[in-house]
Amino acid sequence: MDREEHDEREGLSGDGQERPRRGGRGEPEDGFEEELEGEVEHDIEREEAEEDEEDEREEALESVTLEITGLSLYTHHGVSEAEREVGQRLMLDLRLDLGEVDATNTDRVEDTVDYGEVCQLVALVAQQRSHRTLERLCSTIADRLIGDYELEGVWVKATKPEPPIPLAVEEVSVEVWREAGE
């Protein structure tokens, strides 16, 4: 065996100085441990990112909106004294942003907002007292719904299908949107 082969085998450089070994004799190559740590960190980051994405999907999937369309009530709202005295039919549409509700998993009415109860409450509020404007009526209904239920937001639309005006119109309506905490 010549000197070069001997030096290479013993891990020496050409000038007789010891050099770092690269593999062989069961020792890891230089940088192997750092590379392995980097891969582990990358795997952990990827898993955390996947968990975050899954959490976001779950949140997006569990946001529930309840809509009630065409709740027809006889009420006494209007600008004129005659409207408030005689009364008229009013149509109400509601959209309640419930956010997350357990009923998506439990299938129990107790774990969500009962739309039958909502209709009864809205009828009570709409027929309890008279307002001059539909804006005030919608606002009163929105306040009551947010006060009685844990909602993220509520949209109320009141429509007069036969408004007392001298021109032919199909209907007149007012909408109010309210978020919880406003």
C-alpha atoms as a PDB file:
ATOM      1  CA  MET A   1       0.000   0.000   0.000  1.00  0.00           C
ATOM      2  CA  ASP A   2       1.459   3.359  -0.937  1.00  0.00           C
ATOM      3  CA  ARG A   3       1.441   6.482   1.247  1.00  0.00           C
ATOM      4  CA  GLU A   4      -1.623   8.101  -0.376  1.00  0.00           C
ATOM      5  CA  GLU A   5      -3.759   5.035   0.155  1.00  0.00           C
ATOM      6  CA  HIS A   6      -2.527   4.762   3.712  1.00  0.00           C
ATOM      7  CA  ASP A   7      -3.247   8.445   4.478  1.00  0.00           C
ATOM      8  CA  GLU A   8      -6.731   8.267   2.904  1.00  0.00           C
ATOM      9  CA  ARG A   9      -7.573   5.139   4.837  1.00  0.00           C
ATOM     10  CA  GLU A  10      -6.437   6.694   8.123  1.00  0.00           C
ATOM     11  CA  GLY A  11      -8.293   9.961   7.448  1.00  0.00           C
ATOM     12  CA  LEU A  12      -5.176  12.070   6.955  1.00  0.00           C
ATOM     13  CA  SER A  13      -4.734  14.789   4.380  1.00  0.00           C
ATOM     14  CA  GLY A  14      -1.807  14.763   1.994  1.00  0.00           C
ATOM     15  CA  ASP A  15       0.277  16.765   4.487  1.00  0.00           C
ATOM     16  CA  GLY A  16      -0.280  14.258   7.320  1.00  0.00           C
ATOM     17  CA  GLN A  17      -2.971  16.384   9.102  1.00  0.00           C
ATOM     18  CA  GLU A  18      -6.134  14.600  10.281  1.00  0.00           C
ATOM     19  CA  ARG A  19      -9.171  15.459   8.231  1.00  0.00           C
ATOM     20  CA  PRO A  20     -12.853  14.941   9.033  1.00  0.00           C
ATOM     21  CA  ARG A  21     -14.115  11.535   8.032  1.00  0.00           C
ATOM     22  CA  ARG A  22     -16.927  11.134   5.563  1.00  0.00           C
ATOM     23  CA  GLY A  23     -18.797   7.944   6.208  1.00  0.00           C
ATOM     24  CA  GLY A  24     -17.208   4.593   6.794  1.00  0.00           C
ATOM     25  CA  ARG A  25     -16.616   2.834  10.094  1.00  0.00           C
ATOM     26  CA  GLY A  26     -20.250   3.564  11.221  1.00  0.00           C
ATOM     27  CA  GLU A  27     -19.702   7.313  11.632  1.00  0.00           C
ATOM     28  CA  PRO A  28     -22.223   9.684  10.102  1.00  0.00           C
ATOM     29  CA  GLU A  29     -21.147  11.995   7.335  1.00  0.00           C
ATOM     30  CA  ASP A  30     -20.563  15.674   8.195  1.00  0.00           C
ATOM     31  CA  GLY A  31     -23.825  17.617   8.273  1.00  0.00           C
ATOM     32  CA  PHE A  32     -25.953  14.485   8.547  1.00  0.00           C
ATOM     33  CA  GLU A  33     -27.219  15.348  12.039  1.00  0.00           C
ATOM     34  CA  GLU A  34     -28.025  18.928  10.995  1.00  0.00           C
ATOM     35  CA  GLU A  35     -29.812  17.645   7.898  1.00  0.00           C
ATOM     36  CA  LEU A  36     -31.821  15.197  10.017  1.00  0.00           C
ATOM     37  CA  GLU A  37     -32.768  17.947  12.501  1.00  0.00           C
ATOM     38  CA  GLY A  38     -33.843  20.177   9.596  1.00  0.00           C
ATOM     39  CA  GLU A  39     -36.060  17.422   8.214  1.00  0.00           C
ATOM     40  CA  VAL A  40     -37.664  16.865  11.631  1.00  0.00           C
ATOM     41  CA  GLU A  41     -38.305  20.620  12.041  1.00  0.00           C
ATOM     42  CA  HIS A  42     -39.764  20.757   8.524  1.00  0.00           C
ATOM     43  CA  ASP A  43     -42.046  17.794   9.310  1.00  0.00           C
ATOM     44  CA  ILE A  44     -43.260  19.469  12.519  1.00  0.00           C
ATOM     45  CA  GLU A  45     -43.936  22.746  10.684  1.00  0.00           C
ATOM     46  CA  ARG A  46     -45.824  20.879   7.945  1.00  0.00           C
ATOM     47  CA  GLU A  47     -47.944  19.023  10.541  1.00  0.00           C
ATOM     48  CA  GLU A  48     -48.734  22.286  12.356  1.00  0.00           C
ATOM     49  CA  ALA A  49     -49.722  23.946   9.065  1.00  0.00           C
ATOM     50  CA  GLU A  50     -51.974  20.983   8.217  1.00  0.00           C
ATOM     51  CA  GLU A  51     -53.598  21.181  11.666  1.00  0.00           C
ATOM     52  CA  ASP A  52     -54.185  24.933  11.210  1.00  0.00           C
ATOM     53  CA  GLU A  53     -55.782  24.317   7.799  1.00  0.00           C
ATOM     54  CA  GLU A  54     -57.988  21.589   9.298  1.00  0.00           C
ATOM     55  CA  ASP A  55     -59.053  23.920  12.134  1.00  0.00           C
ATOM     56  CA  GLU A  56     -59.929  26.643   9.609  1.00  0.00           C
ATOM     57  CA  ARG A  57     -61.962  24.160   7.531  1.00  0.00           C
ATOM     58  CA  GLU A  58     -63.816  23.007  10.645  1.00  0.00           C
ATOM     59  CA  GLU A  59     -64.584  26.599  11.629  1.00  0.00           C
ATOM     60  CA  ALA A  60     -65.794  27.417   8.144  1.00  0.00           C
ATOM     61  CA  LEU A  61     -67.923  24.278   7.988  1.00  0.00           C
ATOM     62  CA  GLU A  62     -69.558  24.814  11.356  1.00  0.00           C
ATOM     63  CA  SER A  63     -70.741  28.376  10.879  1.00  0.00           C
ATOM     64  CA  VAL A  64     -74.544  28.145  10.721  1.00  0.00           C
ATOM     65  CA  THR A  65     -77.034  30.646   9.331  1.00  0.00           C
ATOM     66  CA  LEU A  66     -80.757  30.372  10.029  1.00  0.00           C
ATOM     67  CA  GLU A  67     -83.103  32.011   7.498  1.00  0.00           C
ATOM     68  CA  ILE A  68     -86.826  32.626   7.894  1.00  0.00           C
ATOM     69  CA  THR A  69     -88.612  33.972   4.829  1.00  0.00           C
ATOM     70  CA  GLY A  70     -92.131  35.336   4.511  1.00  0.00           C
ATOM     71  CA  LEU A  71     -93.293  35.490   8.127  1.00  0.00           C
ATOM     72  CA  SER A  72     -96.701  37.134   7.586  1.00  0.00           C
ATOM     73  CA  LEU A  73     -98.153  39.201  10.443  1.00  0.00           C
ATOM     74  CA  TYR A  74    -100.977  41.677  10.842  1.00  0.00           C
ATOM     75  CA  THR A  75     -99.445  44.753  12.463  1.00  0.00           C
ATOM     76  CA  HIS A  76    -100.128  48.422  13.208  1.00  0.00           C
ATOM     77  CA  HIS A  77     -97.007  50.224  11.976  1.00  0.00           C
ATOM     78  CA  GLY A  78     -96.943  53.316   9.796  1.00  0.00           C
ATOM     79  CA  VAL A  79     -96.451  57.033   9.524  1.00  0.00           C
ATOM     80  CA  SER A  80    -100.140  57.944   9.382  1.00  0.00           C
ATOM     81  CA  GLU A  81    -102.555  57.597  12.279  1.00  0.00           C
ATOM     82  CA  ALA A  82    -104.864  55.544  10.023  1.00  0.00           C
ATOM     83  CA  GLU A  83    -102.122  52.972   9.315  1.00  0.00           C
ATOM     84  CA  ARG A  84    -101.436  52.557  12.996  1.00  0.00           C
ATOM     85  CA  GLU A  85    -105.142  52.369  13.860  1.00  0.00           C
ATOM     86  CA  VAL A  86    -106.450  50.094  11.089  1.00  0.00           C
ATOM     87  CA  GLY A  87    -103.291  48.028  10.608  1.00  0.00           C
ATOM     88  CA  GLN A  88    -102.035  46.026   7.639  1.00  0.00           C
ATOM     89  CA  ARG A  89    -100.215  42.869   6.646  1.00  0.00           C
ATOM     90  CA  LEU A  90     -96.433  42.932   7.035  1.00  0.00           C
ATOM     91  CA  MET A  91     -93.953  40.348   5.736  1.00  0.00           C
ATOM     92  CA  LEU A  92     -90.753  39.701   7.668  1.00  0.00           C
ATOM     93  CA  ASP A  93     -87.583  37.956   6.489  1.00  0.00           C
ATOM     94  CA  LEU A  94     -84.833  37.105   8.951  1.00  0.00           C
ATOM     95  CA  ARG A  95     -81.276  35.834   8.717  1.00  0.00           C
ATOM     96  CA  LEU A  96     -79.576  34.857  11.969  1.00  0.00           C
ATOM     97  CA  ASP A  97     -75.830  34.228  11.974  1.00  0.00           C
ATOM     98  CA  LEU A  98     -75.518  31.561  14.674  1.00  0.00           C
ATOM     99  CA  GLY A  99     -71.790  30.875  14.296  1.00  0.00           C
ATOM    100  CA  GLU A 100     -70.845  27.459  15.652  1.00  0.00           C
ATOM    101  CA  VAL A 101     -73.635  25.342  17.099  1.00  0.00           C
ATOM    102  CA  ASP A 102     -73.396  21.915  18.684  1.00  0.00           C
ATOM    103  CA  ALA A 103     -76.450  20.694  16.751  1.00  0.00           C
ATOM    104  CA  THR A 104     -74.223  20.068  13.720  1.00  0.00           C
ATOM    105  CA  ASN A 105     -72.837  17.141  15.731  1.00  0.00           C
ATOM    106  CA  THR A 106     -75.558  16.282  18.251  1.00  0.00           C
ATOM    107  CA  ASP A 107     -78.669  16.670  16.045  1.00  0.00           C
ATOM    108  CA  ARG A 108     -80.508  18.140  19.056  1.00  0.00           C
ATOM    109  CA  VAL A 109     -82.812  21.164  18.805  1.00  0.00           C
ATOM    110  CA  GLU A 110     -81.623  22.228  22.262  1.00  0.00           C
ATOM    111  CA  ASP A 111     -78.141  22.768  20.778  1.00  0.00           C
ATOM    112  CA  THR A 112     -79.230  25.374  18.215  1.00  0.00           C
ATOM    113  CA  VAL A 113     -81.738  28.222  17.822  1.00  0.00           C
ATOM    114  CA  ASP A 114     -85.320  26.960  17.435  1.00  0.00           C
ATOM    115  CA  TYR A 115     -86.831  28.810  14.465  1.00  0.00           C
ATOM    116  CA  GLY A 116     -90.356  28.244  15.827  1.00  0.00           C
ATOM    117  CA  GLU A 117     -89.415  30.166  18.972  1.00  0.00           C
ATOM    118  CA  VAL A 118     -87.793  32.883  16.847  1.00  0.00           C
ATOM    119  CA  CYS A 119     -91.013  33.322  14.842  1.00  0.00           C
ATOM    120  CA  GLN A 120     -93.081  33.573  18.042  1.00  0.00           C
ATOM    121  CA  LEU A 121     -90.688  36.144  19.524  1.00  0.00           C
ATOM    122  CA  VAL A 122     -90.655  38.241  16.327  1.00  0.00           C
ATOM    123  CA  ALA A 123     -94.472  38.162  16.172  1.00  0.00           C
ATOM    124  CA  LEU A 124     -94.651  39.310  19.795  1.00  0.00           C
ATOM    125  CA  VAL A 125     -92.199  42.188  19.217  1.00  0.00           C
ATOM    126  CA  ALA A 126     -93.858  43.257  15.949  1.00  0.00           C
ATOM    127  CA  GLN A 127     -97.362  43.221  17.429  1.00  0.00           C
ATOM    128  CA  GLN A 128     -96.528  44.490  20.919  1.00  0.00           C
ATOM    129  CA  ARG A 129     -96.288  48.180  20.059  1.00  0.00           C
ATOM    130  CA  SER A 130     -96.665  50.441  17.060  1.00  0.00           C
ATOM    131  CA  HIS A 131     -93.776  52.174  15.285  1.00  0.00           C
ATOM    132  CA  ARG A 132     -93.931  54.936  12.696  1.00  0.00           C
ATOM    133  CA  THR A 133     -91.053  53.568  10.605  1.00  0.00           C
ATOM    134  CA  LEU A 134     -90.080  50.116   9.433  1.00  0.00           C
ATOM    135  CA  GLU A 135     -86.488  51.057  10.277  1.00  0.00           C
ATOM    136  CA  ARG A 136     -87.394  51.332  13.969  1.00  0.00           C
ATOM    137  CA  LEU A 137     -89.386  48.091  13.865  1.00  0.00           C
ATOM    138  CA  CYS A 138     -86.506  46.172  12.229  1.00  0.00           C
ATOM    139  CA  SER A 139     -84.036  47.648  14.706  1.00  0.00           C
ATOM    140  CA  THR A 140     -86.246  46.665  17.664  1.00  0.00           C
ATOM    141  CA  ILE A 141     -86.552  43.095  16.358  1.00  0.00           C
ATOM    142  CA  ALA A 142     -82.790  42.855  15.749  1.00  0.00           C
ATOM    143  CA  ASP A 143     -82.023  44.130  19.264  1.00  0.00           C
ATOM    144  CA  ARG A 144     -84.395  41.618  20.833  1.00  0.00           C
ATOM    145  CA  LEU A 145     -83.015  38.665  18.853  1.00  0.00           C
ATOM    146  CA  ILE A 146     -79.410  39.529  19.722  1.00  0.00           C
ATOM    147  CA  GLY A 147     -80.432  40.046  23.354  1.00  0.00           C
ATOM    148  CA  ASP A 148     -82.255  36.723  23.641  1.00  0.00           C
ATOM    149  CA  TYR A 149     -79.959  34.474  21.586  1.00  0.00           C
ATOM    150  CA  GLU A 150     -76.199  34.090  21.276  1.00  0.00           C
ATOM    151  CA  LEU A 151     -75.952  35.383  17.715  1.00  0.00           C
ATOM    152  CA  GLU A 152     -72.991  36.738  15.805  1.00  0.00           C
ATOM    153  CA  GLY A 153     -75.298  38.879  13.713  1.00  0.00           C
ATOM    154  CA  VAL A 154     -78.871  39.309  12.533  1.00  0.00           C
ATOM    155  CA  TRP A 155     -80.537  40.698   9.392  1.00  0.00           C
ATOM    156  CA  VAL A 156     -84.182  41.786   9.484  1.00  0.00           C
ATOM    157  CA  LYS A 157     -86.251  42.809   6.474  1.00  0.00           C
ATOM    158  CA  ALA A 158     -89.778  44.192   6.846  1.00  0.00           C
ATOM    159  CA  THR A 159     -91.945  44.447   3.734  1.00  0.00           C
ATOM    160  CA  LYS A 160     -95.291  46.162   3.229  1.00  0.00           C
ATOM    161  CA  PRO A 161     -96.871  44.320   0.292  1.00  0.00           C
ATOM    162  CA  GLU A 162     -99.608  46.970  -0.021  1.00  0.00           C
ATOM    163  CA  PRO A 163     -98.066  50.267   1.096  1.00  0.00           C
ATOM    164  CA  PRO A 164    -100.522  53.148   1.502  1.00  0.00           C
ATOM    165  CA  ILE A 165     -99.164  55.450  -1.181  1.00  0.00           C
ATOM    166  CA  PRO A 166    -100.994  56.973  -4.192  1.00  0.00           C
ATOM    167  CA  LEU A 167     -98.787  55.233  -6.776  1.00  0.00           C
ATOM    168  CA  ALA A 168     -98.809  51.608  -7.860  1.00  0.00           C
ATOM    169  CA  VAL A 169     -95.880  49.715  -6.301  1.00  0.00           C
ATOM    170  CA  GLU A 170     -95.532  46.040  -5.693  1.00  0.00           C
ATOM    171  CA  GLU A 171     -94.056  46.416  -2.202  1.00  0.00           C
ATOM    172  CA  VAL A 172     -91.875  48.581   0.022  1.00  0.00           C
ATOM    173  CA  SER A 173     -89.254  47.123   2.345  1.00  0.00           C
ATOM    174  CA  VAL A 174     -86.565  48.110   4.808  1.00  0.00           C
ATOM    175  CA  GLU A 175     -83.567  46.024   5.895  1.00  0.00           C
ATOM    176  CA  VAL A 176     -81.427  46.290   9.029  1.00  0.00           C
ATOM    177  CA  TRP A 177     -78.212  44.361   9.679  1.00  0.00           C
ATOM    178  CA  ARG A 178     -76.821  44.221  13.200  1.00  0.00           C
ATOM    179  CA  GLU A 179     -73.752  42.440  14.533  1.00  0.00           C
ATOM    180  CA  ALA A 180     -73.497  41.312  18.136  1.00  0.00           C
ATOM    181  CA  GLY A 181     -71.772  43.884  20.334  1.00  0.00           C
ATOM    182  CA  GLU A 182     -72.941  46.927  18.355  1.00  0.00           C
END
